[in-house]
Amino acid sequence: MQKRRVVITGVGVACSLGFRKDDVWDRLVAGTSGVSTIENFDTTDFAVHIGAEIKNFDPTQWMTPREAKGYDRFSQFGVAAAEECVQDSGIDFSKVDPYRVGVLIGTGIGGITEIETQHEKLVTRGPSRVSPFLVPKMMGNAVSGVISMRYGLQGINYVAMSACASGSNAIGAALRTIQFGDADVVVTGGSEAALGPLGLAGFCSARALSRRNDDPTKASRPFDKDRDGFVMSEGAGILMFEEYEHAKARGAHIYCEVCGSGMSGDAHHITAPHPEGVGAAKAMELALADGGIPIDEVDYVNAHGTSTELNDKIETSAIKRVFGDRAKKLAVSSTKSMIGHMLGASGGFESVAVALTIDRGVVHPTINYETPDPDCDLDYVPNTAREMPVRYAISNSFGFGGHNACIAFGKV
């Protein structure tokens, strides 16, 4: 069976830099950091006081107060980003068979805010005070469910949960769903809201986070020699995937083509990547092979680029393993340098960044790159955006549990 072509016709975002794709893109290109001191809860007793949090979030800008009350924060972010994505795409769902439109979203943790809230009630006030909304708000699949209900979408519908690879795994599944004819349109991406007391405490205890509390905007520094951990983030990135002829027939703006997907498992360690990066390399190789993309036509890599000691040098090694001499000619940048690590939403948000990169011919920088690391010796587009045409690009996402995912994109 010949695979059908898949394109991106709409994007939507929610992050510490804003909620409008054009504003967020301008800030990414300008190298603006969304990292600051956490204000949504008291971090006095925590080792880390910084994060890329969304401040003063009012969900009723996108939904009714009743809906907002019934959705966990991560679902609220997903709805906000989906709203922009649908509007951006210009699609009229009333003119589309609802059984041919799916929703596939990734989240690494799901409704942890609701879990924290209701656990406190259980401990302090007893089991009878636990909300009947606990289960429908905490479950990871809530975000795909509420988006589908919002627009009456009755096609394939589920959530991928594979830690920080979740968003990209969902995107890979959405690509396959359209390629092989099970849907014509899929709303896809990732959403996460784990930047709360329990999530922060867990990652603090794992010693995975930057402790550069006195200089938040400089804390996320992927590939820099002085990196000391990642910065927790929250938000969503949602994309409209559409079969190419379907998009053309309605005159949609096409950002780029989604060409291939690759996934692998390290089978090595629950939190540490394989020391030789073989799983990460395999995911990249599979994505390029799936898309039939020649290595010498790839111009850009949106790196996982977490700002941790292990990830950055191992990802660098994996890129060199895949691209050989071509690796030194690639533009490589990390969106996380500005918006931190969205965990399961990372692949969704970073795919939005790649779509805009290809569409607009600009690669955003890796900020805070000040001291080169001999183990990280590629072109990380340091500190300043670069205007350049991008024929093909890949986006990497790697998660605890040894989950590796790579999505390949191309100019139409």
Protein backbone atom coordinates (compact mmCIF):
# COMPACT_ATOMS: atom_id res chain seq x y z
CA MET A 1 0.00 0.00 0.00
CA GLN A 2 1.31 3.43 -0.91
CA LYS A 3 1.51 5.76 2.08
CA ARG A 4 -0.52 8.94 1.88
CA ARG A 5 1.23 12.28 2.40
CA VAL A 6 0.63 14.15 5.65
CA VAL A 7 0.98 17.89 6.18
CA ILE A 8 0.61 20.39 9.03
CA THR A 9 -2.13 22.98 8.49
CA GLY A 10 -2.48 24.52 11.94
CA VAL A 11 -0.52 24.98 15.17
CA GLY A 12 -1.32 26.17 18.69
CA VAL A 13 0.76 26.74 21.81
CA ALA A 14 0.57 27.38 25.53
CA CYS A 15 3.79 28.11 27.39
CA SER A 16 5.61 30.52 29.66
CA LEU A 17 6.26 32.76 26.64
CA GLY A 18 2.58 33.12 25.80
CA PHE A 19 -0.44 31.62 24.10
CA ARG A 20 -0.27 33.01 20.55
CA LYS A 21 1.96 31.21 18.10
CA ASP A 22 3.24 34.36 16.42
CA ASP A 23 4.12 36.05 19.71
CA VAL A 24 5.79 32.92 21.03
CA TRP A 25 7.71 32.41 17.79
CA ASP A 26 8.98 36.00 17.84
CA ARG A 27 10.21 35.46 21.41
CA LEU A 28 11.92 32.20 20.51
CA VAL A 29 13.68 33.82 17.56
CA ALA A 30 14.71 36.72 19.80
CA GLY A 31 16.19 34.27 22.33
CA THR A 32 13.82 35.25 25.13
CA SER A 33 13.83 33.03 28.20
CA GLY A 34 10.54 32.03 29.80
CA VAL A 35 12.23 30.78 32.97
CA SER A 36 11.65 32.69 36.20
CA THR A 37 11.12 32.26 39.92
CA ILE A 38 8.12 30.04 40.63
CA GLU A 39 5.10 31.96 41.91
CA ASN A 40 2.21 29.49 41.70
CA PHE A 41 3.21 27.78 44.97
CA ASP A 42 5.62 28.27 47.85
CA THR A 43 9.05 26.82 47.09
CA THR A 44 10.71 27.91 50.34
CA ASP A 45 11.57 24.37 51.41
CA PHE A 46 12.64 23.22 47.95
CA ALA A 47 16.18 23.07 46.62
CA VAL A 48 14.92 24.53 43.33
CA HIS A 49 12.88 27.73 43.11
CA ILE A 50 12.75 28.25 39.35
CA GLY A 51 10.74 26.95 36.43
CA ALA A 52 9.14 27.93 33.13
CA GLU A 53 5.66 28.24 34.60
CA ILE A 54 2.58 29.80 33.07
CA LYS A 55 1.65 32.63 35.41
CA ASN A 56 -1.83 34.07 36.02
CA PHE A 57 -3.46 31.45 33.82
CA ASP A 58 -7.20 32.01 33.41
CA PRO A 59 -8.74 28.97 31.72
CA THR A 60 -12.08 30.74 31.27
CA GLN A 61 -10.54 32.62 28.33
CA TRP A 62 -10.91 29.35 26.42
CA MET A 63 -13.74 27.49 28.17
CA THR A 64 -16.72 28.00 30.43
CA PRO A 65 -16.17 28.15 34.21
CA ARG A 66 -17.98 24.82 34.52
CA GLU A 67 -15.67 23.19 31.98
CA ALA A 68 -12.62 24.68 33.67
CA LYS A 69 -13.74 23.24 37.00
CA GLY A 70 -13.97 19.78 35.45
CA TYR A 71 -10.55 19.81 33.74
CA ASP A 72 -7.12 19.39 35.32
CA ARG A 73 -4.56 22.07 34.46
CA PHE A 74 -2.90 19.86 31.83
CA SER A 75 -6.22 19.41 30.01
CA GLN A 76 -6.86 23.14 30.22
CA PHE A 77 -3.53 23.81 28.50
CA GLY A 78 -4.38 21.24 25.83
CA VAL A 79 -7.74 22.89 25.14
CA ALA A 80 -6.18 26.38 24.96
CA ALA A 81 -3.55 25.24 22.44
CA ALA A 82 -6.08 23.20 20.47
CA GLU A 83 -8.36 26.24 20.18
CA GLU A 84 -5.61 28.25 18.48
CA CYS A 85 -4.62 25.27 16.35
CA VAL A 86 -8.16 24.75 15.01
CA GLN A 87 -8.58 28.46 14.30
CA ASP A 88 -5.18 28.62 12.64
CA SER A 89 -5.99 25.68 10.37
CA GLY A 90 -9.24 27.25 9.16
CA ILE A 91 -10.87 23.83 9.11
CA ASP A 92 -14.66 23.60 9.33
CA PHE A 93 -15.38 20.35 11.16
CA SER A 94 -19.04 20.51 10.16
CA LYS A 95 -17.93 19.76 6.61
CA VAL A 96 -15.77 16.77 7.57
CA ASP A 97 -16.86 13.23 8.46
CA PRO A 98 -16.33 13.23 12.26
CA TYR A 99 -15.32 9.56 12.17
CA ARG A 100 -12.42 10.54 9.89
CA VAL A 101 -10.97 13.03 12.39
CA GLY A 102 -8.92 11.76 15.34
CA VAL A 103 -7.27 13.15 18.45
CA LEU A 104 -3.92 11.74 19.57
CA ILE A 105 -2.15 13.63 22.36
CA GLY A 106 0.88 12.85 24.53
CA THR A 107 1.30 13.51 28.24
CA GLY A 108 3.96 12.13 30.52
CA ILE A 109 2.16 12.44 33.84
CA GLY A 110 -1.42 13.61 33.30
CA GLY A 111 -3.54 15.16 36.05
CA ILE A 112 -1.04 15.39 38.87
CA THR A 113 -2.48 18.73 40.04
CA GLU A 114 -5.80 17.05 40.78
CA ILE A 115 -4.06 14.11 42.45
CA GLU A 116 -2.22 16.48 44.81
CA THR A 117 -5.37 18.44 45.60
CA GLN A 118 -7.54 15.44 46.33
CA HIS A 119 -4.86 13.57 48.28
CA GLU A 120 -4.62 16.53 50.64
CA LYS A 121 -8.39 16.38 51.11
CA LEU A 122 -8.20 12.65 51.78
CA VAL A 123 -5.55 13.11 54.47
CA THR A 124 -6.99 16.20 56.15
CA ARG A 125 -10.74 15.78 55.70
CA GLY A 126 -11.33 12.08 55.00
CA PRO A 127 -12.36 9.95 52.03
CA SER A 128 -15.90 11.34 51.80
CA ARG A 129 -14.48 14.72 50.84
CA VAL A 130 -12.57 13.47 47.81
CA SER A 131 -14.07 14.93 44.65
CA PRO A 132 -16.06 12.71 42.26
CA PHE A 133 -14.10 14.51 39.53
CA LEU A 134 -10.79 13.03 40.72
CA VAL A 135 -10.70 10.14 38.28
CA PRO A 136 -11.89 11.95 35.12
CA LYS A 137 -9.54 14.86 35.87
CA MET A 138 -6.43 12.84 36.73
CA MET A 139 -6.54 10.32 33.89
CA GLY A 140 -4.04 11.01 31.15
CA ASN A 141 -6.54 10.39 28.37
CA ALA A 142 -8.77 13.21 29.64
CA VAL A 143 -7.01 15.72 27.39
CA SER A 144 -7.79 13.86 24.16
CA GLY A 145 -11.32 13.21 25.39
CA VAL A 146 -12.16 16.83 26.15
CA ILE A 147 -10.67 18.06 22.85
CA SER A 148 -12.70 15.51 20.89
CA MET A 149 -15.89 16.46 22.73
CA ARG A 150 -15.25 20.16 22.17
CA TYR A 151 -15.29 19.70 18.39
CA GLY A 152 -17.39 16.56 17.99
CA LEU A 153 -14.47 14.49 16.69
CA GLN A 154 -15.33 10.79 16.67
CA GLY A 155 -12.34 9.15 15.03
CA ILE A 156 -9.36 7.45 16.66
CA ASN A 157 -8.81 8.89 20.12
CA TYR A 158 -6.22 8.11 22.78
CA VAL A 159 -3.21 9.41 24.69
CA ALA A 160 0.42 8.27 24.51
CA MET A 161 2.23 8.13 27.86
CA SER A 162 5.95 7.48 27.49
CA ALA A 163 7.56 10.11 29.72
CA CYS A 164 9.32 12.83 27.73
CA ALA A 165 8.80 10.98 24.46
CA SER A 166 5.00 11.09 24.85
CA GLY A 167 4.26 14.01 22.54
CA SER A 168 6.44 12.67 19.75
CA ASN A 169 5.04 9.16 20.16
CA ALA A 170 1.53 10.60 19.77
CA ILE A 171 2.66 12.54 16.70
CA GLY A 172 4.21 9.42 15.19
CA ALA A 173 0.96 7.55 15.73
CA ALA A 174 -1.01 10.41 14.16
CA LEU A 175 1.26 10.29 11.12
CA ARG A 176 0.70 6.55 10.68
CA THR A 177 -3.05 6.92 11.19
CA ILE A 178 -3.35 9.26 8.21
CA GLN A 179 -0.65 7.62 6.09
CA PHE A 180 -2.49 4.30 6.11
CA GLY A 181 -5.98 5.66 5.65
CA ASP A 182 -7.54 5.37 9.10
CA ALA A 183 -8.23 9.11 9.26
CA ASP A 184 -7.95 12.20 7.08
CA VAL A 185 -7.29 14.67 9.90
CA VAL A 186 -5.75 14.24 13.37
CA VAL A 187 -5.37 16.81 16.13
CA THR A 188 -2.09 15.85 17.80
CA GLY A 189 0.73 17.04 20.04
CA GLY A 190 1.31 17.10 23.79
CA SER A 191 0.19 18.74 27.02
CA GLU A 192 1.68 18.72 30.53
CA ALA A 193 1.23 20.48 33.87
CA ALA A 194 3.54 18.71 36.31
CA LEU A 195 5.23 21.88 37.61
CA GLY A 196 3.67 21.70 41.07
CA PRO A 197 4.90 20.76 44.54
CA LEU A 198 4.94 16.99 44.03
CA GLY A 199 6.46 17.07 40.55
CA LEU A 200 9.12 19.58 41.54
CA ALA A 201 9.95 17.63 44.71
CA GLY A 202 10.37 14.42 42.75
CA PHE A 203 12.76 15.89 40.22
CA CYS A 204 14.63 17.76 42.98
CA SER A 205 15.17 14.47 44.79
CA ALA A 206 16.40 12.91 41.57
CA ARG A 207 18.92 15.78 41.33
CA ALA A 208 17.91 16.29 37.70
CA LEU A 209 17.17 20.02 37.88
CA SER A 210 19.31 23.12 37.55
CA ARG A 211 19.86 24.87 40.88
CA ARG A 212 20.80 28.19 39.34
CA ASN A 213 18.12 29.85 41.46
CA ASP A 214 19.82 33.25 41.52
CA ASP A 215 19.83 33.55 37.72
CA PRO A 216 16.72 31.83 36.31
CA THR A 217 17.00 33.00 32.71
CA LYS A 218 20.49 31.50 32.51
CA ALA A 219 19.57 28.16 34.10
CA SER A 220 18.63 26.19 30.99
CA ARG A 221 21.85 25.97 29.00
CA PRO A 222 21.84 22.93 26.68
CA PHE A 223 25.22 21.77 25.38
CA ASP A 224 27.07 24.39 27.46
CA LYS A 225 29.94 23.07 29.55
CA ASP A 226 28.50 24.63 32.72
CA ARG A 227 25.03 23.10 32.46
CA ASP A 228 23.78 21.66 35.73
CA GLY A 229 20.38 20.16 34.96
CA PHE A 230 17.11 20.87 33.22
CA VAL A 231 14.41 23.40 34.10
CA MET A 232 10.86 22.13 34.65
CA SER A 233 8.21 23.62 32.42
CA GLU A 234 4.52 23.31 31.61
CA GLY A 235 2.28 23.93 28.64
CA ALA A 236 1.15 22.42 25.36
CA GLY A 237 1.89 22.25 21.67
CA ILE A 238 -0.91 21.09 19.35
CA LEU A 239 -0.83 20.53 15.59
CA MET A 240 -3.38 19.85 12.87
CA PHE A 241 -2.23 16.90 10.76
CA GLU A 242 -4.05 16.53 7.47
CA GLU A 243 -3.83 14.32 4.43
CA TYR A 244 -2.16 16.36 1.67
CA GLU A 245 -4.92 16.20 -0.94
CA HIS A 246 -7.53 16.90 1.73
CA ALA A 247 -5.64 20.04 2.76
CA LYS A 248 -5.13 21.18 -0.84
CA ALA A 249 -8.80 20.71 -1.68
CA ARG A 250 -9.86 23.23 0.96
CA GLY A 251 -7.05 25.69 0.19
CA ALA A 252 -5.36 25.34 3.57
CA HIS A 253 -2.04 26.97 4.39
CA ILE A 254 0.54 24.19 4.65
CA TYR A 255 3.41 24.75 7.07
CA CYS A 256 5.37 21.67 6.11
CA GLU A 257 5.10 17.96 5.43
CA VAL A 258 5.42 15.30 8.13
CA CYS A 259 7.63 12.78 6.40
CA GLY A 260 8.60 10.04 8.84
CA SER A 261 8.62 8.69 12.36
CA GLY A 262 11.12 6.55 14.22
CA MET A 263 10.87 4.98 17.66
CA SER A 264 13.13 2.73 19.71
CA GLY A 265 13.86 1.53 23.23
CA ASP A 266 17.20 1.65 25.02
CA ALA A 267 16.56 -1.45 27.19
CA HIS A 268 19.25 -0.01 29.45
CA HIS A 269 18.16 2.06 32.50
CA ILE A 270 14.95 3.56 33.87
CA THR A 271 16.30 7.14 33.90
CA ALA A 272 19.73 7.26 32.20
CA PRO A 273 20.13 7.14 28.41
CA HIS A 274 22.22 4.42 26.81
CA PRO A 275 25.84 5.60 27.19
CA GLU A 276 26.55 5.15 23.47
CA GLY A 277 23.27 6.69 22.32
CA VAL A 278 22.40 3.68 20.19
CA GLY A 279 18.65 3.92 20.85
CA ALA A 280 18.56 7.63 20.08
CA ALA A 281 20.52 7.05 16.89
CA LYS A 282 18.20 4.23 15.85
CA ALA A 283 15.12 6.43 16.24
CA MET A 284 16.70 9.06 13.98
CA GLU A 285 17.71 6.47 11.41
CA LEU A 286 14.21 5.00 11.36
CA ALA A 287 12.56 8.41 10.95
CA LEU A 288 14.82 9.28 8.01
CA ALA A 289 14.28 5.87 6.42
CA ASP A 290 10.51 6.11 6.90
CA GLY A 291 10.50 9.45 5.12
CA GLY A 292 12.95 8.38 2.42
CA ILE A 293 15.11 11.37 3.33
CA PRO A 294 18.76 11.49 2.19
CA ILE A 295 21.10 12.41 5.03
CA ASP A 296 22.76 15.16 2.99
CA GLU A 297 19.41 16.98 2.56
CA VAL A 298 18.75 17.36 6.29
CA ASP A 299 19.54 20.91 7.38
CA TYR A 300 18.24 21.17 10.94
CA VAL A 301 17.91 19.12 14.11
CA ASN A 302 15.60 20.29 16.87
CA ALA A 303 17.45 18.54 19.66
CA HIS A 304 16.01 17.00 22.80
CA GLY A 305 18.69 19.23 24.34
CA THR A 306 17.67 19.08 28.00
CA SER A 307 20.68 20.83 29.60
CA THR A 308 21.65 17.72 31.57
CA GLU A 309 25.17 16.34 31.64
CA LEU A 310 24.27 12.95 30.16
CA ASN A 311 21.62 13.85 27.61
CA ASP A 312 23.50 16.57 25.80
CA LYS A 313 26.74 14.72 25.21
CA ILE A 314 25.01 11.44 24.39
CA GLU A 315 22.58 13.12 21.99
CA THR A 316 25.52 14.83 20.32
CA SER A 317 27.22 11.46 19.94
CA ALA A 318 24.03 9.94 18.51
CA ILE A 319 23.66 12.72 15.94
CA LYS A 320 27.25 12.13 14.82
CA ARG A 321 26.63 8.39 14.67
CA VAL A 322 23.69 8.95 12.29
CA PHE A 323 24.97 11.80 10.14
CA GLY A 324 28.72 11.17 10.07
CA ASP A 325 30.56 14.07 8.42
CA ARG A 326 27.22 15.76 7.73
CA ALA A 327 26.73 16.31 11.49
CA LYS A 328 29.13 19.27 11.57
CA LYS A 329 27.12 20.98 8.80
CA LEU A 330 23.77 20.71 10.58
CA ALA A 331 22.11 23.51 12.48
CA VAL A 332 21.20 22.04 15.88
CA SER A 333 19.21 23.97 18.47
CA SER A 334 17.29 23.37 21.67
CA THR A 335 13.89 24.96 22.24
CA LYS A 336 14.25 23.98 25.91
CA SER A 337 16.96 26.59 26.35
CA MET A 338 14.12 29.14 26.38
CA ILE A 339 10.96 27.36 27.52
CA GLY A 340 12.45 24.64 29.72
CA HIS A 341 11.43 21.00 29.64
CA MET A 342 7.71 20.36 29.18
CA LEU A 343 8.20 16.63 29.80
CA GLY A 344 5.49 14.79 27.84
CA ALA A 345 4.45 17.95 25.96
CA SER A 346 7.96 18.60 24.65
CA GLY A 347 7.53 16.74 21.37
CA GLY A 348 4.33 18.61 20.61
CA PHE A 349 5.71 22.06 21.32
CA GLU A 350 8.99 21.37 19.56
CA SER A 351 7.18 20.04 16.49
CA VAL A 352 5.35 23.37 16.35
CA ALA A 353 8.76 25.08 16.47
CA VAL A 354 10.02 22.92 13.59
CA ALA A 355 6.91 23.60 11.50
CA LEU A 356 7.43 27.34 11.94
CA THR A 357 11.15 26.98 11.24
CA ILE A 358 10.52 25.34 7.87
CA ASP A 359 7.66 27.66 6.99
CA ARG A 360 9.52 30.87 7.84
CA GLY A 361 13.12 29.97 7.03
CA VAL A 362 14.51 30.86 10.45
CA VAL A 363 16.19 28.58 13.00
CA HIS A 364 15.78 29.77 16.57
CA PRO A 365 18.91 29.81 18.75
CA THR A 366 20.14 27.78 21.68
CA ILE A 367 20.50 30.50 24.29
CA ASN A 368 22.92 30.55 27.23
CA TYR A 369 25.60 28.82 25.18
CA GLU A 370 28.69 30.48 26.62
CA THR A 371 31.36 27.86 27.32
CA PRO A 372 31.94 25.13 24.72
CA ASP A 373 32.02 21.54 25.93
CA PRO A 374 34.53 19.26 24.13
CA ASP A 375 31.90 16.48 24.26
CA CYS A 376 29.33 18.74 22.57
CA ASP A 377 31.01 19.96 19.42
CA LEU A 378 28.24 20.60 16.87
CA ASP A 379 26.75 23.86 15.57
CA TYR A 380 24.11 24.65 18.22
CA VAL A 381 23.07 27.99 16.65
CA PRO A 382 24.43 29.76 19.73
CA ASN A 383 22.46 32.69 21.15
CA THR A 384 21.36 34.27 17.86
CA ALA A 385 18.72 33.07 15.41
CA ARG A 386 19.78 32.19 11.89
CA GLU A 387 17.92 32.83 8.66
CA MET A 388 18.34 29.80 6.43
CA PRO A 389 16.23 27.61 4.17
CA VAL A 390 15.42 24.24 5.70
CA ARG A 391 14.65 21.38 3.34
CA TYR A 392 14.31 18.64 5.92
CA ALA A 393 14.46 18.68 9.70
CA ILE A 394 14.14 16.18 12.52
CA SER A 395 12.94 16.60 16.10
CA ASN A 396 14.20 14.35 18.90
CA SER A 397 12.44 13.32 22.11
CA PHE A 398 13.90 10.90 24.64
CA GLY A 399 12.17 9.79 27.84
CA PHE A 400 12.77 8.02 31.14
CA GLY A 401 12.29 4.31 30.60
CA GLY A 402 14.54 4.39 27.54
CA HIS A 403 11.89 5.67 25.13
CA ASN A 404 13.28 7.33 22.00
CA ALA A 405 11.24 9.08 19.33
CA CYS A 406 12.15 11.13 16.27
CA ILE A 407 9.88 12.90 13.79
CA ALA A 408 11.08 13.99 10.35
CA PHE A 409 9.64 17.05 8.57
CA GLY A 410 10.12 18.51 5.11
CA LYS A 411 9.30 21.55 3.04
CA VAL A 412 6.39 21.06 0.66
